[in-house]
Amino acid sequence: MSRLLQGAQFVLAAHRISQLPADQGAEVAFAGRSNAGKSSALNALTNHKGLARTSKTPGRTQQMVAFSLPPPVQVDGQPPLDVRLIDLPGYGYAKVPMEMRDHWKLEIDAYLHQRRSLRGLVLIVDIRHPLKEFDRMMLEFCFATQLPCHVLLTKADKLSRGAATQALAALRKGFASNSPHATAQIFSSSAGTGVDEAREAVMTLLRTPREGAHPNHER
């Protein structure tokens, strides 16, 4: 199933949620601070080095970017399911104008609250640093709305194996009481650490309907 991610294709870049593809089928969103390695993670998961733009200058993802995936095999005569990945704007980079940051904040909030086809969130966090305010806000939102969340602790190759394991254990300990719908793993796009595990996690989110989802959005 995870091979479906390797068929990802760019669809469009949207400045507002109203410009995104039709709100049907299933999609997983990727969120994270703009220097956490989100674009590199997307490229590694899809095995497509040029899918998401990467740059030495953080904050280049300034729109919501939609990528289509090949539809998974359906059973019982059901039509193929529209499946997508959504790359949300990187958040928290100081050089981005305040007006643009405010716009992103409003649009991301609207997307998370209104998008019915959203089945889960992949949160990109730099393993070398404690959770930032944005990271905590996203986790709290997922907890409050029962939105499944999978955290990629990126840039794990920058730490020793022992230090990376300790960071993962500390995060999971916090999940036990605060974020029961969240999971986490160690990840490195450059070293290939955890790529297969992350692919399976994304596919699990895509193929698992959310509790209370309207049936019209599950076709």
Protein backbone atom coordinates (compact mmCIF):
# COMPACT_ATOMS: atom_id res chain seq x y z
CA MET A 1 0.00 0.00 0.00
CA SER A 2 2.81 2.45 0.80
CA ARG A 3 3.94 2.27 -2.84
CA LEU A 4 0.99 4.50 -3.67
CA LEU A 5 2.89 7.42 -2.16
CA GLN A 6 5.53 6.99 -4.82
CA GLY A 7 2.98 7.94 -7.46
CA ALA A 8 2.37 11.41 -6.03
CA GLN A 9 1.87 14.23 -8.53
CA PHE A 10 1.53 17.98 -8.10
CA VAL A 11 -2.05 19.19 -8.59
CA LEU A 12 -2.20 22.84 -7.53
CA ALA A 13 -1.10 25.46 -5.04
CA ALA A 14 -3.88 27.27 -3.20
CA HIS A 15 -3.82 30.60 -1.39
CA ARG A 16 -7.18 29.80 0.26
CA ILE A 17 -8.92 26.57 1.20
CA SER A 18 -11.69 27.35 -1.30
CA GLN A 19 -9.12 26.82 -4.06
CA LEU A 20 -8.21 23.28 -2.97
CA PRO A 21 -9.50 20.19 -4.81
CA ALA A 22 -13.07 19.09 -4.09
CA ASP A 23 -13.54 18.10 -0.46
CA GLN A 24 -14.12 14.41 -1.07
CA GLY A 25 -12.17 11.19 -0.70
CA ALA A 26 -9.27 11.16 1.74
CA GLU A 27 -6.26 13.35 2.38
CA VAL A 28 -3.42 13.67 4.87
CA ALA A 29 -1.93 17.06 5.66
CA PHE A 30 1.71 17.81 6.45
CA ALA A 31 2.44 20.63 8.88
CA GLY A 32 5.52 21.94 10.61
CA ARG A 33 7.74 24.88 11.27
CA SER A 34 9.42 26.14 8.14
CA ASN A 35 12.90 24.95 9.11
CA ALA A 36 11.94 21.47 10.34
CA GLY A 37 12.51 19.63 7.05
CA LYS A 38 8.92 19.24 5.85
CA SER A 39 9.68 19.45 2.13
CA SER A 40 12.56 17.00 2.42
CA ALA A 41 10.31 14.57 4.32
CA LEU A 42 7.63 14.75 1.62
CA ASN A 43 10.20 14.14 -1.09
CA ALA A 44 11.62 11.15 0.78
CA LEU A 45 8.20 9.60 1.45
CA THR A 46 7.12 9.92 -2.18
CA ASN A 47 10.57 9.00 -3.56
CA HIS A 48 10.38 12.13 -5.67
CA LYS A 49 13.23 14.56 -5.02
CA GLY A 50 11.53 17.43 -6.83
CA LEU A 51 7.96 17.02 -5.59
CA ALA A 52 8.10 19.57 -2.77
CA ARG A 53 10.38 22.56 -3.09
CA THR A 54 13.40 22.54 -0.80
CA SER A 55 15.67 25.47 -0.15
CA LYS A 56 18.43 26.67 2.13
CA THR A 57 16.07 29.55 2.92
CA PRO A 58 13.21 28.35 5.18
CA GLY A 59 9.66 29.46 4.53
CA ARG A 60 9.38 28.89 0.79
CA THR A 61 6.13 26.92 1.04
CA GLN A 62 3.82 29.94 1.03
CA GLN A 63 0.65 28.22 -0.15
CA MET A 64 -1.29 25.05 0.51
CA VAL A 65 0.00 22.57 -2.06
CA ALA A 66 -2.06 19.56 -3.13
CA PHE A 67 -0.53 16.34 -4.47
CA SER A 68 -2.66 13.56 -5.92
CA LEU A 69 -2.01 9.87 -5.30
CA PRO A 70 -3.04 6.83 -7.36
CA PRO A 71 -6.39 5.58 -6.03
CA PRO A 72 -6.12 2.50 -3.81
CA VAL A 73 -7.88 -0.67 -4.88
CA GLN A 74 -11.52 -0.60 -3.80
CA VAL A 75 -13.69 -3.62 -2.95
CA ASP A 76 -17.38 -4.49 -3.10
CA GLY A 77 -17.85 -2.55 -6.31
CA GLN A 78 -17.07 0.82 -4.73
CA PRO A 79 -15.57 3.52 -6.98
CA PRO A 80 -11.88 4.40 -6.55
CA LEU A 81 -11.19 6.83 -3.70
CA ASP A 82 -9.69 10.24 -4.37
CA VAL A 83 -6.55 10.42 -2.22
CA ARG A 84 -4.25 13.39 -1.70
CA LEU A 85 -1.41 14.82 0.34
CA ILE A 86 -1.67 18.46 1.37
CA ASP A 87 1.48 20.43 2.17
CA LEU A 88 0.51 23.25 4.54
CA PRO A 89 2.57 26.47 4.64
CA GLY A 90 5.63 26.35 6.85
CA TYR A 91 5.01 28.32 10.01
CA GLY A 92 7.10 30.49 12.31
CA TYR A 93 9.86 31.86 10.09
CA ALA A 94 10.65 35.40 11.26
CA LYS A 95 11.39 36.87 7.80
CA VAL A 96 7.91 36.13 6.49
CA PRO A 97 5.83 39.36 6.60
CA MET A 98 3.38 39.57 9.50
CA GLU A 99 0.43 39.96 7.12
CA MET A 100 1.34 36.70 5.39
CA ARG A 101 1.82 34.88 8.70
CA ASP A 102 -1.61 36.04 9.88
CA HIS A 103 -3.15 34.85 6.63
CA TRP A 104 -1.53 31.42 6.97
CA LYS A 105 -2.71 31.11 10.56
CA LEU A 106 -6.32 31.82 9.59
CA GLU A 107 -6.28 29.53 6.56
CA ILE A 108 -4.62 26.63 8.38
CA ASP A 109 -7.14 26.98 11.20
CA ALA A 110 -10.02 27.00 8.72
CA TYR A 111 -8.58 24.04 6.83
CA LEU A 112 -8.22 21.90 9.95
CA HIS A 113 -11.72 22.73 11.19
CA GLN A 114 -13.62 22.59 7.89
CA ARG A 115 -11.94 20.04 5.64
CA ARG A 116 -14.10 16.93 5.86
CA SER A 117 -11.83 14.71 3.75
CA LEU A 118 -8.93 15.27 6.17
CA ARG A 119 -8.11 11.94 7.83
CA GLY A 120 -4.92 12.74 9.65
CA LEU A 121 -2.01 15.08 10.17
CA VAL A 122 1.72 14.45 9.84
CA LEU A 123 3.54 16.91 12.09
CA ILE A 124 7.18 17.58 11.25
CA VAL A 125 9.36 18.37 14.29
CA ASP A 126 13.13 18.87 14.43
CA ILE A 127 14.33 16.22 16.89
CA ARG A 128 17.15 18.47 18.12
CA HIS A 129 14.82 21.01 19.72
CA PRO A 130 11.98 20.93 22.28
CA LEU A 131 8.44 21.26 20.95
CA LYS A 132 7.72 24.84 19.92
CA GLU A 133 4.47 26.73 20.48
CA PHE A 134 3.21 25.84 16.99
CA ASP A 135 3.94 22.15 17.55
CA ARG A 136 2.04 22.16 20.84
CA MET A 137 -0.88 24.02 19.28
CA MET A 138 -1.17 21.45 16.52
CA LEU A 139 -1.04 18.54 18.96
CA GLU A 140 -3.63 20.18 21.20
CA PHE A 141 -5.92 20.70 18.21
CA CYS A 142 -5.57 17.07 17.18
CA PHE A 143 -6.35 15.97 20.72
CA ALA A 144 -9.40 18.24 21.00
CA THR A 145 -10.84 17.13 17.63
CA GLN A 146 -9.72 13.48 17.77
CA LEU A 147 -7.73 14.01 14.58
CA PRO A 148 -5.07 11.28 14.29
CA CYS A 149 -1.56 12.73 14.23
CA HIS A 150 1.77 11.12 13.37
CA VAL A 151 4.89 13.03 14.39
CA LEU A 152 8.10 12.73 12.41
CA LEU A 153 11.10 13.64 14.54
CA THR A 154 13.26 14.76 11.63
CA LYS A 155 17.01 15.26 11.26
CA ALA A 156 17.67 12.26 13.49
CA ASP A 157 20.99 11.77 11.72
CA LYS A 158 22.22 14.88 13.54
CA LEU A 159 22.00 13.08 16.90
CA SER A 160 23.49 9.89 18.30
CA ARG A 161 21.20 6.86 18.29
CA GLY A 162 20.90 7.04 22.07
CA ALA A 163 19.96 10.72 22.11
CA ALA A 164 17.40 10.22 19.33
CA THR A 165 15.84 7.29 21.18
CA GLN A 166 15.59 9.36 24.36
CA ALA A 167 13.89 12.20 22.50
CA LEU A 168 11.35 9.80 21.00
CA ALA A 169 10.65 8.18 24.38
CA ALA A 170 10.10 11.57 26.00
CA LEU A 171 7.61 12.60 23.31
CA ARG A 172 5.70 9.33 23.50
CA LYS A 173 5.50 9.64 27.28
CA GLY A 174 3.74 12.97 26.86
CA PHE A 175 1.32 11.42 24.36
CA ALA A 176 0.18 8.84 26.89
CA SER A 177 -1.81 11.40 28.86
CA ASN A 178 -2.25 14.34 26.50
CA SER A 179 -2.54 13.04 22.94
CA PRO A 180 -3.90 9.49 22.76
CA HIS A 181 -4.52 9.78 19.01
CA ALA A 182 -0.89 10.69 18.31
CA THR A 183 2.02 8.47 17.34
CA ALA A 184 5.66 9.35 16.70
CA GLN A 185 8.84 8.01 15.17
CA ILE A 186 12.45 8.89 14.44
CA PHE A 187 13.04 10.09 10.88
CA SER A 188 15.84 11.30 8.63
CA SER A 189 15.24 12.11 4.98
CA SER A 190 18.96 12.27 4.17
CA ALA A 191 19.86 8.98 5.86
CA GLY A 192 16.61 7.22 4.96
CA THR A 193 15.88 6.45 8.60
CA GLY A 194 12.24 5.58 9.23
CA VAL A 195 11.06 6.25 5.67
CA ASP A 196 9.22 2.94 5.23
CA GLU A 197 7.65 3.21 8.69
CA ALA A 198 6.45 6.72 7.89
CA ARG A 199 4.99 5.63 4.56
CA GLU A 200 2.95 2.95 6.28
CA ALA A 201 1.77 5.47 8.87
CA VAL A 202 0.57 7.84 6.16
CA MET A 203 -1.24 5.05 4.33
CA THR A 204 -2.90 3.94 7.57
CA LEU A 205 -4.23 7.47 8.03
CA LEU A 206 -5.49 7.62 4.44
CA ARG A 207 -7.37 4.33 4.59
CA THR A 208 -8.93 4.84 8.04
CA PRO A 209 -12.16 6.91 8.05
CA ARG A 210 -12.41 9.41 10.86
CA GLU A 211 -14.99 8.89 13.57
CA GLY A 212 -18.16 10.82 12.84
CA ALA A 213 -17.22 11.62 9.23
CA HIS A 214 -20.16 12.29 6.92
CA PRO A 215 -20.74 9.36 4.55
CA ASN A 216 -20.83 11.64 1.50
CA HIS A 217 -17.17 12.38 2.08
CA GLU A 218 -16.13 8.76 2.31
CA ARG A 219 -16.87 7.86 -1.30
